[in-house]
């Protein structure tokens, strides 16, 4: 058993960086998507996380209504609106958790 654990540890240490994603819309998902209310300039919409991915270089969280947050290193997160354009004025955005840890706007 100890030999097996050491072998697996060596393989993992020598292998490439690992990335992971969780797709809440997958029928095999083990938990329901965390829900949030996202408001921009007073216009609010209830949504849920669609997927989240992360690796050593950054992370992405996408919401079912089209909002997206991309993290890269120490830089501020880039928030992309449903129309595909980066949100310039982040002070106009308010996110409220409906379920725990649903707002990921940094």
N, C-alpha and C. Protein backbone atom coordinates (compact mmCIF):
# COMPACT_ATOMS: atom_id res chain seq x y z
N UNK A 1 0.82 -1.19 0.00
CA UNK A 1 0.00 0.00 0.00
C UNK A 1 0.87 1.25 0.00
N UNK A 2 1.88 1.27 0.84
CA UNK A 2 2.77 2.42 0.91
C UNK A 2 3.46 2.64 -0.43
N UNK A 3 3.88 1.56 -1.07
CA UNK A 3 4.53 1.67 -2.38
C UNK A 3 3.58 2.28 -3.41
N UNK A 4 2.35 1.84 -3.40
CA UNK A 4 1.36 2.36 -4.33
C UNK A 4 1.14 3.85 -4.11
N UNK A 5 1.02 4.26 -2.87
CA UNK A 5 0.82 5.68 -2.57
C UNK A 5 2.03 6.50 -3.00
N UNK A 6 3.21 5.99 -2.81
CA UNK A 6 4.42 6.71 -3.23
C UNK A 6 4.46 6.83 -4.74
N UNK A 7 4.09 5.77 -5.47
CA UNK A 7 4.09 5.78 -6.92
C UNK A 7 3.09 6.81 -7.45
N UNK A 8 1.88 6.83 -6.89
CA UNK A 8 0.87 7.79 -7.29
C UNK A 8 1.35 9.21 -7.00
N UNK A 9 1.97 9.41 -5.85
CA UNK A 9 2.51 10.74 -5.51
C UNK A 9 3.56 11.20 -6.48
N UNK A 10 4.44 10.31 -6.90
CA UNK A 10 5.48 10.66 -7.87
C UNK A 10 4.85 11.01 -9.21
N UNK A 11 3.88 10.22 -9.65
CA UNK A 11 3.21 10.51 -10.93
C UNK A 11 2.52 11.87 -10.90
N UNK A 12 1.84 12.17 -9.82
CA UNK A 12 1.15 13.45 -9.72
C UNK A 12 2.13 14.61 -9.68
N UNK A 13 3.22 14.46 -8.97
CA UNK A 13 4.21 15.53 -8.87
C UNK A 13 4.90 15.77 -10.19
N UNK A 14 5.10 14.75 -10.98
CA UNK A 14 5.82 14.88 -12.24
C UNK A 14 4.90 15.24 -13.40
N UNK A 15 3.61 15.14 -13.21
CA UNK A 15 2.67 15.37 -14.30
C UNK A 15 2.41 16.84 -14.56
N UNK A 16 1.63 17.13 -15.59
CA UNK A 16 1.28 18.51 -15.91
C UNK A 16 0.35 19.11 -14.86
N UNK A 17 0.17 20.42 -14.93
CA UNK A 17 -0.75 21.08 -14.00
C UNK A 17 -2.16 20.56 -14.25
N UNK A 18 -2.92 20.42 -13.19
CA UNK A 18 -4.27 19.90 -13.29
C UNK A 18 -5.27 21.04 -13.29
N UNK A 19 -6.33 20.88 -14.02
CA UNK A 19 -7.42 21.85 -14.04
C UNK A 19 -8.70 21.12 -13.70
N UNK A 20 -9.64 21.85 -13.19
CA UNK A 20 -10.91 21.23 -12.86
C UNK A 20 -12.07 22.14 -13.19
N UNK A 21 -13.16 21.54 -13.64
CA UNK A 21 -14.37 22.28 -13.94
C UNK A 21 -15.55 21.54 -13.30
N UNK A 22 -16.55 22.31 -12.96
CA UNK A 22 -17.79 21.73 -12.47
C UNK A 22 -18.92 22.39 -13.24
N UNK A 23 -19.69 21.58 -13.96
CA UNK A 23 -20.81 22.05 -14.76
C UNK A 23 -22.10 21.72 -14.02
N UNK A 24 -22.73 22.75 -13.46
CA UNK A 24 -23.95 22.54 -12.69
C UNK A 24 -25.13 22.14 -13.56
N UNK A 25 -25.04 22.36 -14.88
CA UNK A 25 -26.15 22.00 -15.77
C UNK A 25 -26.07 20.55 -16.23
N UNK A 26 -24.98 19.87 -15.92
CA UNK A 26 -24.83 18.45 -16.26
C UNK A 26 -25.85 17.65 -15.47
N UNK A 27 -26.64 16.80 -16.13
CA UNK A 27 -27.62 16.00 -15.40
C UNK A 27 -27.01 15.13 -14.30
N UNK A 28 -25.71 14.82 -14.41
CA UNK A 28 -25.05 14.00 -13.40
C UNK A 28 -24.48 14.83 -12.24
N UNK A 29 -24.69 16.15 -12.27
CA UNK A 29 -24.16 17.01 -11.21
C UNK A 29 -24.72 16.57 -9.86
N UNK A 30 -23.86 16.56 -8.88
CA UNK A 30 -24.24 16.06 -7.55
C UNK A 30 -24.87 17.13 -6.67
N UNK A 31 -24.78 18.39 -7.07
CA UNK A 31 -25.39 19.45 -6.27
C UNK A 31 -26.04 20.46 -7.20
N UNK A 32 -27.02 21.17 -6.68
CA UNK A 32 -27.69 22.18 -7.50
C UNK A 32 -26.85 23.44 -7.56
N UNK A 33 -27.05 24.21 -8.58
CA UNK A 33 -26.27 25.43 -8.81
C UNK A 33 -26.60 26.49 -7.77
N UNK A 34 -25.57 27.11 -7.19
CA UNK A 34 -25.82 28.23 -6.28
C UNK A 34 -26.50 29.38 -7.02
N UNK A 35 -27.55 29.95 -6.43
CA UNK A 35 -28.32 31.01 -7.05
C UNK A 35 -27.94 32.38 -6.49
N UNK A 36 -28.07 33.38 -7.36
CA UNK A 36 -27.75 34.75 -6.97
C UNK A 36 -28.71 35.71 -7.67
N UNK A 37 -28.79 36.90 -7.10
CA UNK A 37 -29.50 38.00 -7.76
C UNK A 37 -28.43 38.99 -8.20
N UNK A 38 -28.35 39.23 -9.51
CA UNK A 38 -27.37 40.16 -10.07
C UNK A 38 -28.11 41.41 -10.54
N UNK A 39 -27.68 42.57 -10.05
CA UNK A 39 -28.30 43.84 -10.41
C UNK A 39 -27.26 44.75 -11.05
N UNK A 40 -27.64 45.40 -12.12
CA UNK A 40 -26.79 46.40 -12.77
C UNK A 40 -27.63 47.65 -12.97
N UNK A 41 -27.18 48.73 -12.35
CA UNK A 41 -27.88 50.02 -12.42
C UNK A 41 -29.35 49.86 -12.03
N UNK A 42 -29.63 49.03 -11.04
CA UNK A 42 -30.98 48.87 -10.53
C UNK A 42 -31.81 47.80 -11.21
N UNK A 43 -31.39 47.30 -12.36
CA UNK A 43 -32.12 46.22 -13.05
C UNK A 43 -31.61 44.88 -12.53
N UNK A 44 -32.49 44.09 -11.91
CA UNK A 44 -32.07 42.86 -11.24
C UNK A 44 -32.61 41.63 -11.96
N UNK A 45 -31.84 40.55 -11.84
CA UNK A 45 -32.22 39.28 -12.44
C UNK A 45 -31.71 38.15 -11.54
N UNK A 46 -32.55 37.16 -11.32
CA UNK A 46 -32.15 35.98 -10.56
C UNK A 46 -31.54 34.97 -11.52
N UNK A 47 -30.41 34.41 -11.13
CA UNK A 47 -29.71 33.45 -11.98
C UNK A 47 -28.99 32.44 -11.09
N UNK A 48 -28.24 31.55 -11.71
CA UNK A 48 -27.45 30.55 -10.97
C UNK A 48 -26.14 30.33 -11.72
N UNK A 49 -25.16 29.78 -11.02
CA UNK A 49 -23.89 29.48 -11.67
C UNK A 49 -24.12 28.35 -12.66
N UNK A 50 -23.60 28.52 -13.87
CA UNK A 50 -23.68 27.49 -14.91
C UNK A 50 -22.49 26.53 -14.78
N UNK A 51 -21.27 27.11 -14.75
CA UNK A 51 -20.09 26.29 -14.54
C UNK A 51 -19.00 27.12 -13.89
N UNK A 52 -18.03 26.44 -13.31
CA UNK A 52 -16.84 27.10 -12.78
C UNK A 52 -15.65 26.20 -13.07
N UNK A 53 -14.56 26.85 -13.49
CA UNK A 53 -13.32 26.14 -13.83
C UNK A 53 -12.16 26.86 -13.17
N UNK A 54 -11.14 26.10 -12.83
CA UNK A 54 -9.96 26.72 -12.24
C UNK A 54 -8.72 25.88 -12.47
N UNK A 55 -7.59 26.56 -12.53
CA UNK A 55 -6.29 25.90 -12.60
C UNK A 55 -5.26 26.81 -11.95
N UNK A 56 -4.00 26.50 -12.11
CA UNK A 56 -2.95 27.28 -11.45
C UNK A 56 -2.85 28.70 -11.98
N UNK A 57 -3.38 28.96 -13.17
CA UNK A 57 -3.26 30.28 -13.79
C UNK A 57 -4.46 31.18 -13.58
N UNK A 58 -5.57 30.63 -13.19
CA UNK A 58 -6.75 31.47 -13.02
C UNK A 58 -8.01 30.65 -12.86
N UNK A 59 -9.14 31.34 -12.97
CA UNK A 59 -10.44 30.68 -12.80
C UNK A 59 -11.49 31.43 -13.60
N UNK A 60 -12.58 30.73 -13.92
CA UNK A 60 -13.72 31.31 -14.61
C UNK A 60 -14.99 30.84 -13.94
N UNK A 61 -15.91 31.76 -13.74
CA UNK A 61 -17.24 31.44 -13.25
C UNK A 61 -18.23 32.02 -14.25
N UNK A 62 -19.13 31.17 -14.76
CA UNK A 62 -20.14 31.63 -15.72
C UNK A 62 -21.52 31.41 -15.12
N UNK A 63 -22.39 32.39 -15.33
CA UNK A 63 -23.75 32.33 -14.82
C UNK A 63 -24.71 31.98 -15.96
N UNK A 64 -25.83 31.39 -15.61
CA UNK A 64 -26.79 30.92 -16.61
C UNK A 64 -27.40 32.05 -17.43
N UNK A 65 -27.39 33.27 -16.91
CA UNK A 65 -27.96 34.39 -17.67
C UNK A 65 -26.92 35.12 -18.52
N UNK A 66 -25.69 34.59 -18.60
CA UNK A 66 -24.69 35.15 -19.50
C UNK A 66 -23.57 35.93 -18.84
N UNK A 67 -23.69 36.28 -17.57
CA UNK A 67 -22.59 36.97 -16.88
C UNK A 67 -21.43 36.01 -16.71
N UNK A 68 -20.21 36.56 -16.72
CA UNK A 68 -19.01 35.74 -16.61
C UNK A 68 -17.94 36.51 -15.85
N UNK A 69 -17.18 35.81 -15.02
CA UNK A 69 -16.09 36.42 -14.27
C UNK A 69 -14.83 35.59 -14.52
N UNK A 70 -13.76 36.27 -14.98
CA UNK A 70 -12.49 35.60 -15.25
C UNK A 70 -11.42 36.16 -14.33
N UNK A 71 -10.72 35.28 -13.66
CA UNK A 71 -9.62 35.64 -12.77
C UNK A 71 -8.32 35.16 -13.39
N UNK A 72 -7.28 36.01 -13.35
CA UNK A 72 -5.96 35.62 -13.84
C UNK A 72 -4.91 36.20 -12.91
N UNK A 73 -4.26 35.35 -12.16
CA UNK A 73 -3.20 35.80 -11.26
C UNK A 73 -3.69 36.81 -10.26
N UNK A 74 -2.88 37.85 -10.05
CA UNK A 74 -3.21 38.89 -9.07
C UNK A 74 -4.03 40.03 -9.65
N UNK A 75 -4.33 39.98 -10.93
CA UNK A 75 -5.08 41.06 -11.58
C UNK A 75 -6.53 41.07 -11.09
N UNK A 76 -7.16 42.23 -11.20
CA UNK A 76 -8.58 42.32 -10.86
C UNK A 76 -9.37 41.41 -11.80
N UNK A 77 -10.45 40.83 -11.31
CA UNK A 77 -11.25 39.97 -12.19
C UNK A 77 -11.86 40.77 -13.33
N UNK A 78 -12.01 40.12 -14.47
CA UNK A 78 -12.67 40.73 -15.62
C UNK A 78 -14.11 40.23 -15.63
N UNK A 79 -15.05 41.16 -15.54
CA UNK A 79 -16.47 40.82 -15.53
C UNK A 79 -17.02 41.10 -16.92
N UNK A 80 -17.61 40.07 -17.52
CA UNK A 80 -18.17 40.20 -18.87
C UNK A 80 -19.69 40.11 -18.78
N UNK A 81 -20.35 41.08 -19.40
CA UNK A 81 -21.81 41.15 -19.40
C UNK A 81 -22.38 40.13 -20.39
N UNK A 82 -23.68 39.86 -20.31
CA UNK A 82 -24.29 38.90 -21.23
C UNK A 82 -24.13 39.26 -22.71
N UNK A 83 -23.91 40.54 -23.01
CA UNK A 83 -23.71 40.93 -24.41
C UNK A 83 -22.28 40.68 -24.90
N UNK A 84 -21.44 40.11 -24.03
CA UNK A 84 -20.06 39.78 -24.42
C UNK A 84 -19.06 40.88 -24.20
N UNK A 85 -19.51 42.04 -23.70
CA UNK A 85 -18.61 43.17 -23.48
C UNK A 85 -18.18 43.24 -22.02
N UNK A 86 -16.91 43.59 -21.77
CA UNK A 86 -16.47 43.75 -20.38
C UNK A 86 -17.24 44.88 -19.70
N UNK A 87 -17.58 44.67 -18.44
CA UNK A 87 -18.27 45.69 -17.67
C UNK A 87 -17.25 46.72 -17.21
N UNK A 88 -17.39 47.93 -17.67
CA UNK A 88 -16.42 48.99 -17.36
C UNK A 88 -16.62 49.55 -15.95
N UNK A 89 -17.87 49.77 -15.56
CA UNK A 89 -18.17 50.38 -14.26
C UNK A 89 -18.65 49.31 -13.29
N UNK A 90 -17.71 48.73 -12.55
CA UNK A 90 -18.07 47.65 -11.62
C UNK A 90 -18.89 48.16 -10.44
N UNK A 91 -18.91 49.48 -10.20
CA UNK A 91 -19.71 50.00 -9.10
C UNK A 91 -21.20 49.90 -9.41
N UNK A 92 -21.56 49.74 -10.69
CA UNK A 92 -22.96 49.61 -11.07
C UNK A 92 -23.50 48.21 -10.80
N UNK A 93 -22.60 47.25 -10.51
CA UNK A 93 -22.99 45.85 -10.32
C UNK A 93 -23.13 45.53 -8.84
N UNK A 94 -24.26 44.91 -8.50
CA UNK A 94 -24.51 44.43 -7.14
C UNK A 94 -24.94 42.98 -7.26
N UNK A 95 -24.32 42.12 -6.47
CA UNK A 95 -24.70 40.72 -6.46
C UNK A 95 -25.08 40.32 -5.04
N UNK A 96 -26.21 39.63 -4.92
CA UNK A 96 -26.68 39.15 -3.62
C UNK A 96 -26.81 37.63 -3.68
N UNK A 97 -26.21 36.96 -2.72
CA UNK A 97 -26.33 35.50 -2.64
C UNK A 97 -27.76 35.11 -2.28
N UNK A 98 -28.33 34.20 -3.03
CA UNK A 98 -29.55 33.53 -2.62
C UNK A 98 -29.15 32.24 -1.91
N UNK A 99 -28.19 31.55 -2.50
CA UNK A 99 -27.57 30.39 -1.87
C UNK A 99 -26.12 30.79 -1.52
N UNK A 100 -25.55 30.13 -0.55
CA UNK A 100 -24.20 30.46 -0.10
C UNK A 100 -23.18 30.41 -1.24
N UNK A 101 -22.31 31.41 -1.27
CA UNK A 101 -21.16 31.45 -2.17
C UNK A 101 -21.54 31.50 -3.65
N UNK A 102 -22.64 32.17 -3.97
CA UNK A 102 -23.07 32.27 -5.36
C UNK A 102 -22.49 33.48 -6.08
N UNK A 103 -22.18 34.54 -5.35
CA UNK A 103 -21.64 35.76 -5.95
C UNK A 103 -20.12 35.64 -6.01
N UNK A 104 -19.57 35.64 -7.21
CA UNK A 104 -18.13 35.44 -7.38
C UNK A 104 -17.50 36.58 -8.17
N UNK A 105 -17.92 37.79 -7.91
CA UNK A 105 -17.45 38.93 -8.68
C UNK A 105 -16.21 39.58 -8.08
N UNK A 106 -15.60 38.95 -7.11
CA UNK A 106 -14.33 39.45 -6.55
C UNK A 106 -14.42 40.57 -5.65
